[in-house]
Amino acid sequence: MTTLFEEIYRIVRRIPAGSVLSYGDVAALCQSSVSARTVGWAMSVAPDGVPWHRVVGQQGRLSIGKRSVLLQDLQRNLLQAEGVNFLAPDQVDIEQHRWHPRKTRPTTKQHKPRPMSL
């Protein structure tokens, strides 16, 4: 069984370098009922390998700066290294860099009915 945070991390790991999603975007992609605040909480304790820096506020703001200016600088540096453009020191150009994941449909294998043997 997948925990809520694991589901969030699975989505965040899919965000390609140079792209971002808002906390609300990630919440909307979850199959479970999740709030943007819950996504933020998950990002604050994200394990290694989860690109937490690619998740930003609704308007592209680096809202981690409310907790730590040093973390905000780190997030900005990581995003800039990936080619993300900024409108202000604490705001990415979210319209330019928002990731639009392809919706995937679950594939079901079609089985042909077998002829009945007598």
C-alpha atoms as a PDB file:
ATOM      1  CA  MET A   1       0.000   0.000   0.000  1.00  0.00           C
ATOM      2  CA  THR A   2       1.341   3.414  -0.982  1.00  0.00           C
ATOM      3  CA  THR A   3       1.393   6.069   1.697  1.00  0.00           C
ATOM      4  CA  LEU A   4       0.198   9.573   0.941  1.00  0.00           C
ATOM      5  CA  PHE A   5       3.716  11.022   0.997  1.00  0.00           C
ATOM      6  CA  GLU A   6       4.994   8.239  -1.276  1.00  0.00           C
ATOM      7  CA  GLU A   7       2.291   9.147  -3.788  1.00  0.00           C
ATOM      8  CA  ILE A   8       3.345  12.811  -3.629  1.00  0.00           C
ATOM      9  CA  TYR A   9       7.030  11.891  -4.018  1.00  0.00           C
ATOM     10  CA  ARG A  10       6.232   9.660  -7.008  1.00  0.00           C
ATOM     11  CA  ILE A  11       4.634  12.635  -8.777  1.00  0.00           C
ATOM     12  CA  VAL A  12       7.411  15.074  -7.845  1.00  0.00           C
ATOM     13  CA  ARG A  13      10.075  12.651  -9.103  1.00  0.00           C
ATOM     14  CA  ARG A  14       8.427  12.818 -12.543  1.00  0.00           C
ATOM     15  CA  ILE A  15       8.871  16.615 -12.857  1.00  0.00           C
ATOM     16  CA  PRO A  16      11.648  17.046 -15.418  1.00  0.00           C
ATOM     17  CA  ALA A  17      14.650  19.282 -14.825  1.00  0.00           C
ATOM     18  CA  GLY A  18      13.861  22.840 -15.916  1.00  0.00           C
ATOM     19  CA  SER A  19      10.178  22.472 -15.030  1.00  0.00           C
ATOM     20  CA  VAL A  20       8.107  23.223 -11.938  1.00  0.00           C
ATOM     21  CA  LEU A  21       4.703  22.491 -10.460  1.00  0.00           C
ATOM     22  CA  SER A  22       2.861  24.360  -7.751  1.00  0.00           C
ATOM     23  CA  TYR A  23       1.910  22.651  -4.513  1.00  0.00           C
ATOM     24  CA  GLY A  24      -1.692  22.746  -5.740  1.00  0.00           C
ATOM     25  CA  ASP A  25      -0.718  21.203  -9.088  1.00  0.00           C
ATOM     26  CA  VAL A  26       0.894  18.260  -7.295  1.00  0.00           C
ATOM     27  CA  ALA A  27      -2.148  17.888  -5.045  1.00  0.00           C
ATOM     28  CA  ALA A  28      -4.451  17.822  -8.088  1.00  0.00           C
ATOM     29  CA  LEU A  29      -2.385  15.010  -9.669  1.00  0.00           C
ATOM     30  CA  CYS A  30      -2.698  12.804  -6.587  1.00  0.00           C
ATOM     31  CA  GLN A  31      -5.300  10.081  -6.687  1.00  0.00           C
ATOM     32  CA  SER A  32      -5.879  10.584  -2.980  1.00  0.00           C
ATOM     33  CA  SER A  33      -7.595  13.697  -1.664  1.00  0.00           C
ATOM     34  CA  VAL A  34      -4.629  15.925  -0.839  1.00  0.00           C
ATOM     35  CA  SER A  35      -4.308  19.626  -0.071  1.00  0.00           C
ATOM     36  CA  ALA A  36      -1.542  21.921  -1.279  1.00  0.00           C
ATOM     37  CA  ARG A  37      -0.551  22.335   2.382  1.00  0.00           C
ATOM     38  CA  THR A  38      -0.047  18.561   2.687  1.00  0.00           C
ATOM     39  CA  VAL A  39       2.212  18.632  -0.385  1.00  0.00           C
ATOM     40  CA  GLY A  40       4.227  21.398   1.277  1.00  0.00           C
ATOM     41  CA  TRP A  41       4.541  19.332   4.419  1.00  0.00           C
ATOM     42  CA  ALA A  42       5.731  16.346   2.367  1.00  0.00           C
ATOM     43  CA  MET A  43       8.313  18.530   0.596  1.00  0.00           C
ATOM     44  CA  SER A  44       9.656  19.760   3.941  1.00  0.00           C
ATOM     45  CA  VAL A  45      10.629  16.186   4.856  1.00  0.00           C
ATOM     46  CA  ALA A  46      11.388  14.853   1.368  1.00  0.00           C
ATOM     47  CA  PRO A  47      14.046  12.137   1.261  1.00  0.00           C
ATOM     48  CA  ASP A  48      17.107  12.264  -0.974  1.00  0.00           C
ATOM     49  CA  GLY A  49      16.231  11.758  -4.614  1.00  0.00           C
ATOM     50  CA  VAL A  50      13.024  13.807  -4.485  1.00  0.00           C
ATOM     51  CA  PRO A  51      13.518  17.090  -6.404  1.00  0.00           C
ATOM     52  CA  TRP A  52      11.666  19.203  -3.807  1.00  0.00           C
ATOM     53  CA  HIS A  53      13.045  22.382  -5.359  1.00  0.00           C
ATOM     54  CA  ARG A  54      10.781  21.911  -8.425  1.00  0.00           C
ATOM     55  CA  VAL A  55       7.648  22.522  -6.337  1.00  0.00           C
ATOM     56  CA  VAL A  56       6.781  26.190  -5.852  1.00  0.00           C
ATOM     57  CA  GLY A  57       3.902  28.368  -4.705  1.00  0.00           C
ATOM     58  CA  GLN A  58       0.814  29.042  -6.798  1.00  0.00           C
ATOM     59  CA  GLN A  59       2.206  32.170  -8.441  1.00  0.00           C
ATOM     60  CA  GLY A  60       5.688  30.685  -8.804  1.00  0.00           C
ATOM     61  CA  ARG A  61       6.876  32.027  -5.456  1.00  0.00           C
ATOM     62  CA  LEU A  62       9.629  30.261  -3.560  1.00  0.00           C
ATOM     63  CA  SER A  63       7.522  29.952  -0.448  1.00  0.00           C
ATOM     64  CA  ILE A  64      10.241  28.003   1.359  1.00  0.00           C
ATOM     65  CA  GLY A  65      11.726  31.443   2.065  1.00  0.00           C
ATOM     66  CA  LYS A  66       9.154  31.817   4.845  1.00  0.00           C
ATOM     67  CA  ARG A  67      11.057  29.087   6.697  1.00  0.00           C
ATOM     68  CA  SER A  68      14.618  29.855   5.693  1.00  0.00           C
ATOM     69  CA  VAL A  69      16.345  32.384   3.471  1.00  0.00           C
ATOM     70  CA  LEU A  70      19.201  29.897   3.045  1.00  0.00           C
ATOM     71  CA  LEU A  71      16.811  27.224   1.729  1.00  0.00           C
ATOM     72  CA  GLN A  72      15.255  29.808  -0.585  1.00  0.00           C
ATOM     73  CA  ASP A  73      18.719  30.638  -1.966  1.00  0.00           C
ATOM     74  CA  LEU A  74      19.406  26.915  -2.418  1.00  0.00           C
ATOM     75  CA  GLN A  75      16.088  26.397  -4.223  1.00  0.00           C
ATOM     76  CA  ARG A  76      16.731  29.387  -6.504  1.00  0.00           C
ATOM     77  CA  ASN A  77      20.270  28.168  -7.297  1.00  0.00           C
ATOM     78  CA  LEU A  78      19.074  24.631  -8.081  1.00  0.00           C
ATOM     79  CA  LEU A  79      16.301  25.914 -10.364  1.00  0.00           C
ATOM     80  CA  GLN A  80      18.588  28.403 -12.123  1.00  0.00           C
ATOM     81  CA  ALA A  81      21.123  25.607 -12.730  1.00  0.00           C
ATOM     82  CA  GLU A  82      18.297  23.737 -14.525  1.00  0.00           C
ATOM     83  CA  GLY A  83      17.558  26.781 -16.708  1.00  0.00           C
ATOM     84  CA  VAL A  84      14.448  28.062 -14.923  1.00  0.00           C
ATOM     85  CA  ASN A  85      13.864  31.789 -15.471  1.00  0.00           C
ATOM     86  CA  PHE A  86      12.847  34.103 -12.652  1.00  0.00           C
ATOM     87  CA  LEU A  87      10.519  37.109 -12.731  1.00  0.00           C
ATOM     88  CA  ALA A  88      11.784  38.275  -9.329  1.00  0.00           C
ATOM     89  CA  PRO A  89      14.406  36.935  -6.902  1.00  0.00           C
ATOM     90  CA  ASP A  90      11.731  34.778  -5.221  1.00  0.00           C
ATOM     91  CA  GLN A  91       9.418  34.055  -8.167  1.00  0.00           C
ATOM     92  CA  VAL A  92       9.878  31.669 -11.094  1.00  0.00           C
ATOM     93  CA  ASP A  93       8.174  32.239 -14.429  1.00  0.00           C
ATOM     94  CA  ILE A  94       5.651  29.506 -13.707  1.00  0.00           C
ATOM     95  CA  GLU A  95       3.777  29.968 -16.971  1.00  0.00           C
ATOM     96  CA  GLN A  96       6.951  29.323 -18.942  1.00  0.00           C
ATOM     97  CA  HIS A  97       8.212  26.442 -16.811  1.00  0.00           C
ATOM     98  CA  ARG A  98       5.044  24.704 -15.548  1.00  0.00           C
ATOM     99  CA  TRP A  99       5.171  21.022 -16.390  1.00  0.00           C
ATOM    100  CA  HIS A 100       2.123  19.617 -18.154  1.00  0.00           C
ATOM    101  CA  PRO A 101       2.204  15.867 -17.578  1.00  0.00           C
ATOM    102  CA  ARG A 102       0.496  13.655 -20.093  1.00  0.00           C
ATOM    103  CA  LYS A 103      -2.492  11.938 -18.625  1.00  0.00           C
ATOM    104  CA  THR A 104      -1.988   8.241 -18.949  1.00  0.00           C
ATOM    105  CA  ARG A 105      -4.850   5.847 -19.197  1.00  0.00           C
ATOM    106  CA  PRO A 106      -4.586   2.554 -17.423  1.00  0.00           C
ATOM    107  CA  THR A 107      -3.979  -0.137 -19.954  1.00  0.00           C
ATOM    108  CA  THR A 108      -6.072  -3.225 -19.762  1.00  0.00           C
ATOM    109  CA  LYS A 109      -5.069  -6.261 -21.662  1.00  0.00           C
ATOM    110  CA  GLN A 110      -7.853  -7.375 -23.955  1.00  0.00           C
ATOM    111  CA  HIS A 111      -8.387 -11.082 -23.826  1.00  0.00           C
ATOM    112  CA  LYS A 112      -9.995 -12.874 -26.706  1.00  0.00           C
ATOM    113  CA  PRO A 113     -12.619 -15.333 -25.570  1.00  0.00           C
ATOM    114  CA  ARG A 114     -11.525 -18.897 -25.993  1.00  0.00           C
ATOM    115  CA  PRO A 115     -13.761 -21.220 -27.918  1.00  0.00           C
ATOM    116  CA  MET A 116     -15.485 -23.643 -25.667  1.00  0.00           C
ATOM    117  CA  SER A 117     -14.415 -27.227 -26.108  1.00  0.00           C
ATOM    118  CA  LEU A 118     -16.965 -29.965 -26.029  1.00  0.00           C
END
